Protein backbone atom coordinates (compact mmCIF):
# COMPACT_ATOMS: atom_id res chain seq x y z
CA MET A 1 -18.74 -5.06 8.31
CA ARG A 2 -15.83 -4.84 10.10
CA LYS A 3 -13.31 -8.23 9.91
CA SER A 4 -10.96 -9.70 12.66
CA LEU A 5 -7.51 -10.56 10.64
CA ARG A 6 -8.14 -14.44 12.91
CA GLY A 7 -10.93 -14.22 10.06
CA ARG A 8 -9.31 -12.93 6.98
CA ARG A 9 -7.17 -14.96 4.36
CA PHE A 10 -3.27 -15.52 5.50
CA VAL A 11 -1.14 -16.22 2.10
CA ALA A 12 2.40 -18.12 2.41
CA VAL A 13 5.27 -16.48 0.70
CA GLY A 14 6.06 -20.17 -0.69
CA THR A 15 2.02 -20.49 -1.44
CA LEU A 16 2.64 -16.87 -2.98
CA VAL A 17 5.87 -18.15 -5.24
CA ALA A 18 3.60 -21.04 -6.37
CA LEU A 19 0.47 -19.35 -7.68
CA LEU A 20 2.86 -16.53 -9.30
CA VAL A 21 4.73 -19.25 -10.98
CA ALA A 22 1.40 -19.95 -12.24
CA THR A 23 -0.16 -16.58 -12.92
CA THR A 24 2.76 -14.55 -14.15
CA ALA A 25 4.13 -17.07 -16.93
CA ALA A 26 2.87 -15.42 -20.24
CA PRO A 27 6.19 -15.18 -22.86
CA ALA A 28 4.96 -15.16 -26.56
CA LEU A 29 2.80 -12.31 -25.49
CA ALA A 30 4.73 -10.36 -23.25
CA ALA A 31 7.23 -10.95 -26.42
CA THR A 32 4.94 -8.87 -28.47
CA ASP A 33 3.09 -6.81 -26.32
CA PRO A 34 5.40 -4.28 -23.83
CA VAL A 35 2.62 -3.61 -21.78
CA GLN A 36 2.12 -6.95 -20.90
CA ALA A 37 5.85 -7.63 -20.78
CA SER A 38 5.71 -4.75 -17.99
CA LEU A 39 3.15 -5.78 -15.95
CA ASP A 40 4.62 -9.72 -15.90
CA ARG A 41 8.04 -7.57 -13.96
CA ILE A 42 5.91 -6.53 -11.40
CA THR A 43 4.29 -9.82 -10.69
CA ALA A 44 7.74 -11.46 -11.19
CA GLN A 45 9.12 -9.11 -8.40
CA GLY A 46 6.73 -10.56 -5.58
CA VAL A 47 3.50 -8.72 -6.14
CA PRO A 48 0.23 -10.89 -6.43
CA GLY A 49 -0.96 -9.09 -9.29
CA ALA A 50 -1.40 -6.29 -12.30
CA GLU A 51 -3.31 -4.91 -14.36
CA ALA A 52 -3.64 -2.13 -16.93
CA VAL A 53 -6.77 -0.29 -18.58
CA VAL A 54 -5.68 1.88 -21.55
CA GLN A 55 -8.37 4.40 -23.33
CA ASP A 56 -6.96 5.23 -26.79
CA GLY A 57 -9.88 7.22 -28.23
CA ARG A 58 -13.04 4.80 -28.36
CA ARG A 59 -11.09 1.72 -27.41
CA THR A 60 -10.40 0.27 -24.17
CA ARG A 61 -7.49 -2.28 -23.75
CA VAL A 62 -7.73 -4.24 -20.60
CA VAL A 63 -3.86 -6.05 -19.71
CA ARG A 64 -3.56 -8.47 -16.66
CA SER A 65 -1.33 -10.35 -14.94
CA GLY A 66 -0.56 -12.94 -11.23
CA ALA A 67 -3.77 -12.79 -9.40
CA GLY A 68 -6.35 -10.35 -8.01
CA ASP A 69 -6.44 -13.34 -5.65
CA LEU A 70 -3.93 -16.06 -4.60
CA ALA A 71 -6.51 -17.70 -2.41
CA THR A 72 -8.36 -18.72 -5.90
CA GLY A 73 -6.11 -17.38 -8.52
CA LYS A 74 -8.93 -15.31 -10.19
CA PRO A 75 -7.09 -12.34 -12.07
CA PHE A 76 -8.17 -8.37 -10.78
CA PRO A 77 -11.96 -8.27 -12.16
CA ARG A 78 -12.23 -6.24 -15.16
CA ASN A 79 -12.37 -2.51 -14.54
CA GLY A 80 -13.48 -4.04 -10.29
CA SER A 81 -13.24 -1.02 -7.96
CA TYR A 82 -10.01 -0.36 -5.80
CA ARG A 83 -8.39 1.68 -2.79
CA ALA A 84 -6.87 4.77 -5.72
CA GLY A 85 -4.56 6.77 -2.67
CA SER A 86 -2.90 9.55 -3.77
CA VAL A 87 -4.73 10.33 -7.11
CA THR A 88 -7.35 11.73 -4.60
CA LYS A 89 -5.30 14.92 -4.25
CA THR A 90 -5.81 15.31 -8.49
CA PHE A 91 -9.80 15.29 -7.04
CA VAL A 92 -9.08 17.38 -4.14
CA ALA A 93 -6.96 20.01 -6.12
CA THR A 94 -9.59 20.45 -8.83
CA VAL A 95 -11.77 21.32 -6.90
CA VAL A 96 -9.73 24.41 -4.90
CA LEU A 97 -8.80 25.34 -7.98
CA GLN A 98 -12.81 25.34 -9.25
CA LEU A 99 -13.49 27.23 -5.96
CA VAL A 100 -10.45 29.82 -7.09
CA ALA A 101 -12.57 30.31 -10.39
CA GLU A 102 -15.86 31.27 -8.68
CA GLY A 103 -13.71 33.80 -6.12
CA ARG A 104 -14.08 31.65 -2.95
CA VAL A 105 -10.40 30.77 -2.55
CA ARG A 106 -7.14 32.75 -3.86
CA LEU A 107 -4.51 30.42 -4.30
CA ASP A 108 -1.31 32.90 -2.92
CA ALA A 109 -3.61 33.79 0.05
CA PRO A 110 -2.49 32.48 3.15
CA VAL A 111 -4.54 29.69 5.41
CA GLU A 112 -4.86 31.63 8.01
CA ARG A 113 -7.47 33.55 6.01
CA TYR A 114 -9.58 30.24 5.64
CA LEU A 115 -8.44 28.30 8.72
CA PRO A 116 -7.55 30.87 11.83
CA GLY A 117 -5.51 29.84 13.93
CA LEU A 118 -4.89 25.95 12.27
CA LEU A 119 -1.16 26.68 11.79
CA PRO A 120 1.12 28.39 13.58
CA ASP A 121 2.99 29.21 10.11
CA ARG A 122 0.55 31.90 9.22
CA ARG A 123 2.81 32.42 5.72
CA ILE A 124 1.71 29.05 4.70
CA THR A 125 -0.52 29.65 1.62
CA VAL A 126 -3.26 27.49 -0.72
CA ARG A 127 -0.77 27.16 -3.28
CA GLN A 128 1.89 25.55 -1.07
CA LEU A 129 -0.15 23.10 0.42
CA LEU A 130 -1.64 21.97 -3.43
CA GLN A 131 2.32 22.13 -5.00
CA HIS A 132 3.67 20.34 -1.08
CA THR A 133 5.80 23.32 -0.96
CA SER A 134 4.65 24.09 2.71
CA GLY A 135 7.51 23.27 4.75
CA LEU A 136 4.53 21.06 6.59
CA TYR A 137 5.43 18.03 8.62
CA ASN A 138 4.09 14.71 6.64
CA TYR A 139 1.17 12.88 9.21
CA THR A 140 1.30 9.43 7.81
CA ASP A 141 4.78 9.09 9.15
CA ASP A 142 3.52 8.90 12.63
CA LEU A 143 0.27 6.50 11.96
CA ASP A 144 1.66 3.20 14.49
CA ARG A 145 1.42 0.24 12.15
CA SER A 146 2.49 -2.66 14.39
CA ASP A 147 -1.14 -3.62 14.74
CA PRO A 148 -3.13 -3.89 11.76
CA GLU A 149 -6.57 -4.93 12.49
CA ALA A 150 -6.28 -1.41 14.80
CA LEU A 151 -5.60 0.43 12.08
CA ARG A 152 -8.08 -1.35 9.85
CA HIS A 153 -10.82 0.42 12.30
CA ARG A 154 -8.82 3.73 13.57
CA GLY A 155 -10.91 6.01 11.44
CA ALA A 156 -9.71 9.82 12.51
CA GLU A 157 -11.37 13.92 11.85
CA PRO A 158 -8.40 16.02 9.80
CA ALA A 159 -8.07 18.10 12.41
CA GLU A 160 -6.74 15.40 14.14
CA LEU A 161 -4.53 14.60 11.43
CA VAL A 162 -2.81 17.98 10.78
CA ALA A 163 -2.46 17.49 14.80
CA LEU A 164 -0.42 14.92 14.57
CA ALA A 165 2.01 16.69 11.71
CA LEU A 166 2.17 19.56 14.01
CA LYS A 167 4.06 18.03 16.56
CA HIS A 168 6.88 18.18 14.52
CA PRO A 169 9.06 21.28 13.77
CA ALA A 170 8.34 21.91 10.12
CA LEU A 171 11.12 20.34 7.24
CA PHE A 172 11.62 24.00 6.06
CA PRO A 173 9.82 27.83 5.66
CA PRO A 174 7.08 28.01 3.22
CA GLY A 175 8.30 28.33 -0.32
CA THR A 176 11.41 27.50 0.29
CA SER A 177 11.92 23.71 -1.24
CA TRP A 178 9.62 20.53 -2.25
CA SER A 179 8.67 17.50 0.04
CA TYR A 180 5.87 16.06 0.01
CA SER A 181 3.75 15.78 2.26
CA ASN A 182 0.11 14.23 2.95
CA THR A 183 -0.91 16.72 5.47
CA ASN A 184 -1.37 19.50 2.65
CA TYR A 185 -3.74 17.90 1.62
CA ILE A 186 -5.46 17.61 4.73
CA VAL A 187 -5.64 21.08 4.76
CA ALA A 188 -6.24 22.03 1.21
CA GLY A 189 -9.23 19.42 1.81
CA MET A 190 -10.42 21.07 5.20
CA ILE A 191 -10.42 24.58 3.36
CA ALA A 192 -12.45 23.42 0.86
CA GLU A 193 -15.44 22.00 3.70
CA LYS A 194 -15.36 25.59 5.54
CA VAL A 195 -15.73 27.86 2.08
CA SER A 196 -18.21 26.01 0.66
CA GLY A 197 -19.81 24.77 4.09
CA ARG A 198 -20.21 21.01 2.24
CA ALA A 199 -18.54 17.86 3.58
CA LEU A 200 -15.50 17.08 0.91
CA THR A 201 -17.26 13.78 -0.04
CA ASP A 202 -20.24 16.16 -1.16
CA LEU A 203 -18.50 18.35 -3.17
CA ILE A 204 -15.93 16.01 -5.56
CA ALA A 205 -19.30 13.85 -5.86
CA HIS A 206 -21.29 17.36 -7.12
CA ARG A 207 -18.49 19.09 -9.10
CA ILE A 208 -16.31 16.18 -10.72
CA THR A 209 -18.28 12.18 -10.30
CA ARG A 210 -21.83 13.48 -11.14
CA PRO A 211 -21.15 15.92 -13.55
CA LEU A 212 -18.91 13.05 -15.49
CA GLY A 213 -20.60 10.02 -14.73
CA LEU A 214 -17.93 8.59 -12.88
CA HIS A 215 -20.44 5.99 -11.21
CA ASP A 216 -18.05 3.84 -9.08
CA THR A 217 -15.96 6.31 -7.70
CA TYR A 218 -16.60 8.15 -4.35
CA LEU A 219 -14.71 9.40 -1.05
CA PRO A 220 -16.17 6.82 1.53
CA ARG A 221 -17.15 8.67 5.13
CA ARG A 222 -15.71 7.94 8.52
CA GLY A 223 -16.92 4.23 9.52
CA ASP A 224 -17.51 3.29 5.68
CA GLU A 225 -15.09 0.25 5.77
CA ARG A 226 -16.86 -1.47 2.66
CA LEU A 227 -14.69 -1.44 -0.73
CA PRO A 228 -17.09 -2.59 -3.50
CA ALA A 229 -17.41 -5.50 -5.39
CA PRO A 230 -16.60 -6.63 -7.38
CA HIS A 231 -12.65 -6.18 -6.34
CA ALA A 232 -9.17 -7.61 -6.30
CA ILE A 233 -8.05 -7.93 -3.06
CA GLY A 234 -5.97 -5.59 -1.75
CA TYR A 235 -3.26 -7.05 -0.01
CA LEU A 236 -1.03 -5.88 3.56
CA PRO A 237 2.54 -7.62 4.05
CA PHE A 238 2.61 -8.03 7.51
CA ASN A 239 5.13 -10.88 9.91
CA GLY A 240 5.80 -12.81 6.21
CA LYS A 241 2.72 -13.07 4.94
CA LEU A 242 0.35 -10.67 2.95
CA VAL A 243 -2.95 -9.80 4.81
CA ASP A 244 -6.35 -8.78 3.22
CA PHE A 245 -6.40 -5.40 3.52
CA SER A 246 -9.11 -4.98 1.28
CA ASP A 247 -11.62 -3.57 3.71
CA PHE A 248 -10.69 -0.26 6.18
CA ASP A 249 -11.21 2.89 7.44
CA ALA A 250 -10.32 5.18 5.51
CA THR A 251 -10.37 8.89 6.47
CA ILE A 252 -7.10 7.98 8.05
CA ALA A 253 -6.14 9.01 4.32
CA TRP A 254 -9.31 11.34 3.43
CA ALA A 255 -8.25 14.09 1.32
CA ALA A 256 -4.75 12.82 1.09
CA GLY A 257 -5.37 9.43 -0.02
CA GLY A 258 -9.28 7.71 0.26
CA LEU A 259 -10.77 7.83 -3.08
CA VAL A 260 -12.06 4.53 -3.94
CA SER A 261 -12.17 4.43 -7.99
CA THR A 262 -12.05 1.66 -10.90
CA PRO A 263 -9.14 2.20 -13.78
CA ALA A 264 -12.35 3.19 -16.73
CA ASP A 265 -13.53 6.13 -13.89
CA LEU A 266 -9.57 7.48 -13.70
CA ASP A 267 -9.18 7.53 -17.44
CA ARG A 268 -12.42 9.12 -17.94
CA PHE A 269 -11.32 11.83 -14.89
CA TYR A 270 -8.05 12.61 -16.42
CA GLY A 271 -8.78 12.54 -19.91
CA ALA A 272 -11.93 15.42 -19.07
CA LEU A 273 -9.57 17.02 -16.46
CA LEU A 274 -6.96 17.59 -19.34
CA SER A 275 -8.70 18.20 -22.20
CA GLY A 276 -10.40 21.17 -19.94
CA ARG A 277 -14.34 19.70 -18.99
CA LEU A 278 -13.56 20.60 -15.50
CA LEU A 279 -11.73 23.49 -15.13
CA ARG A 280 -10.98 27.25 -16.78
CA PRO A 281 -8.12 27.75 -19.23
CA ALA A 282 -6.38 29.76 -16.33
CA GLU A 283 -6.79 27.67 -13.69
CA LEU A 284 -5.48 24.35 -15.29
CA ALA A 285 -2.49 26.33 -16.29
CA GLU A 286 -2.38 26.87 -12.59
CA MET A 287 -2.72 23.38 -12.16
CA GLN A 288 -0.25 22.51 -14.82
CA ARG A 289 3.17 24.91 -13.17
CA THR A 290 5.28 22.98 -12.27
CA VAL A 291 8.22 22.31 -9.37
CA PRO A 292 10.92 19.87 -9.52
CA ALA A 293 9.82 17.23 -8.15
CA ASP A 294 11.61 13.93 -6.58
CA LEU A 295 8.79 11.30 -7.94
CA GLY A 296 11.55 8.81 -8.59
CA VAL A 297 11.80 9.55 -12.39
CA PRO A 298 14.41 11.91 -13.52
CA GLY A 299 12.96 15.69 -14.93
CA ALA A 300 9.72 14.79 -13.37
CA GLY A 301 7.45 18.00 -11.78
CA TYR A 302 4.71 18.98 -9.68
CA GLY A 303 1.88 21.31 -10.31
CA LEU A 304 -1.39 21.24 -8.52
CA GLY A 305 -2.61 18.00 -7.32
CA LEU A 306 -0.63 16.72 -10.60
CA GLY A 307 2.83 15.33 -11.71
CA SER A 308 3.96 15.91 -15.14
CA ILE A 309 6.83 13.20 -16.21
CA PRO A 310 8.62 12.35 -19.26
CA VAL A 311 8.21 9.38 -20.84
CA SER A 312 9.22 7.74 -24.35
CA CYS A 313 7.06 8.99 -26.08
CA GLY A 314 6.50 12.95 -24.21
CA LEU A 315 5.15 14.21 -21.03
CA PHE A 316 2.49 11.79 -19.28
CA TRP A 317 0.00 13.80 -16.50
CA GLY A 318 -1.30 12.37 -13.62
CA HIS A 319 -0.48 11.34 -10.51
CA GLN A 320 0.75 7.70 -8.74
CA GLY A 321 -1.39 6.52 -5.36
CA GLY A 322 -0.60 4.80 -2.81
CA VAL A 323 -2.35 3.15 0.17
CA ILE A 324 -2.73 0.01 2.43
CA GLY A 325 -3.52 -2.56 -0.40
CA PHE A 326 -3.15 -0.90 -3.44
CA THR A 327 -0.87 1.42 -5.48
CA ASN A 328 -1.44 2.71 -8.94
CA LEU A 329 -0.26 5.14 -11.48
CA ALA A 330 -3.25 6.79 -13.32
CA GLY A 331 -2.98 9.92 -16.57
CA VAL A 332 -2.74 11.36 -19.74
CA GLY A 333 0.03 10.56 -22.33
CA PRO A 334 0.48 12.16 -25.54
CA HIS A 335 -1.68 12.17 -28.18
CA ASP A 336 -4.53 11.72 -24.92
CA ARG A 337 -4.16 8.35 -24.39
CA ARG A 338 -5.19 7.27 -20.89
CA ALA A 339 -4.30 4.45 -18.52
CA ALA A 340 -4.28 3.35 -15.00
CA VAL A 341 -1.96 1.00 -13.58
CA VAL A 342 -3.12 -0.43 -10.51
CA LEU A 343 -1.01 -3.46 -7.90
CA ASN A 344 -3.01 -5.45 -5.72
CA GLN A 345 0.22 -4.51 -2.72
CA ASN A 346 0.82 -1.82 -0.90
CA PRO A 347 3.52 -1.28 0.38
CA PRO A 348 5.23 -3.21 -2.85
CA PRO A 349 8.28 -4.81 -2.91
CA ALA A 350 11.42 -2.62 -3.24
CA GLY A 351 12.60 -1.56 -6.55
CA THR A 352 8.63 -2.46 -8.10
CA ASN A 353 8.63 1.19 -8.72
CA GLN A 354 10.59 1.22 -11.76
CA TYR A 355 8.53 -1.33 -13.21
CA LEU A 356 5.51 0.75 -12.49
CA PHE A 357 6.26 3.41 -14.99
CA ALA A 358 7.49 1.53 -17.39
CA ALA A 359 4.22 0.92 -17.62
CA MET A 360 2.55 3.62 -17.63
CA ASP A 361 4.89 4.75 -20.75
CA ALA A 362 4.30 1.17 -22.33
CA ALA A 363 0.59 2.04 -22.00
CA VAL A 364 0.79 5.38 -23.15
CA CYS A 365 3.51 5.23 -25.59
CA SER A 366 3.75 1.20 -27.40
């Protein structure tokens, strides 16, 4: 059911501050738990709530700060659903690399081979899409955010999103630089559908979520706006207030960021991926061949739908995601310690990213 902004909850700034004071203070625990301390710093920045779900062997730990629902003050539900944003890219890259292993796609073949006439520059390759070295303009920079209610129900078809990007010239010749562009993964999703003859939603289900038992992870179809319960409220800052934007048509993000999941599912997914359960060694090695990338952390690199981020105990492999209402970071650190950190606001306050990465470092290293 579609929800009108007139019927949704708004939280005034004064109320938000009062709730944060009531829900984020945990000085005794924070002093001994670096994950809790990092989450408390995030909510102190003004983010309503934050949660980390850490899996170390068979042990699962859930750490929370702030509120999952500002109207009630309730914390994040344990392992609730949320919109995972660009974490979707790792799933899409995995599907494409499985098709590579089957000989149906070649990484260094031009996109033109699979989608004739779609892109004006016929030199762009599949690898360059997956690694953000194509030079394609980021279509999400052109989405109109001035009317949240219109954006909530907008949805889109993949070709429409590519057309938005192609109104702009290329950022650079393909393969000569790196620039994060959601357009790359819209095109990659289109390739996967074209060569397989199946919808991307079904490919992800058939090749990843069902084999791994990820019962709460899926890519929504056009018109599916409802975020499954239980879930924290996903907030959008708009006109000085926080708007409940949990429900919307995520096909405006599709293969670039439309996935719905849970922290436990993402812990399981990244653990399976990095341990070789989803890809052969050759394709996993290609996924982990990185180029220097601006991911907000010095020394970071980007492979094929997978980022490498230095942490205090070694190297973290995973992906950050941000979509209206939710911000998250999920992946695997040294010694197979898996973690997903979720915030229920997007875009978050300026400077929040450093605390998000600090929370992940604490989760996989402490």
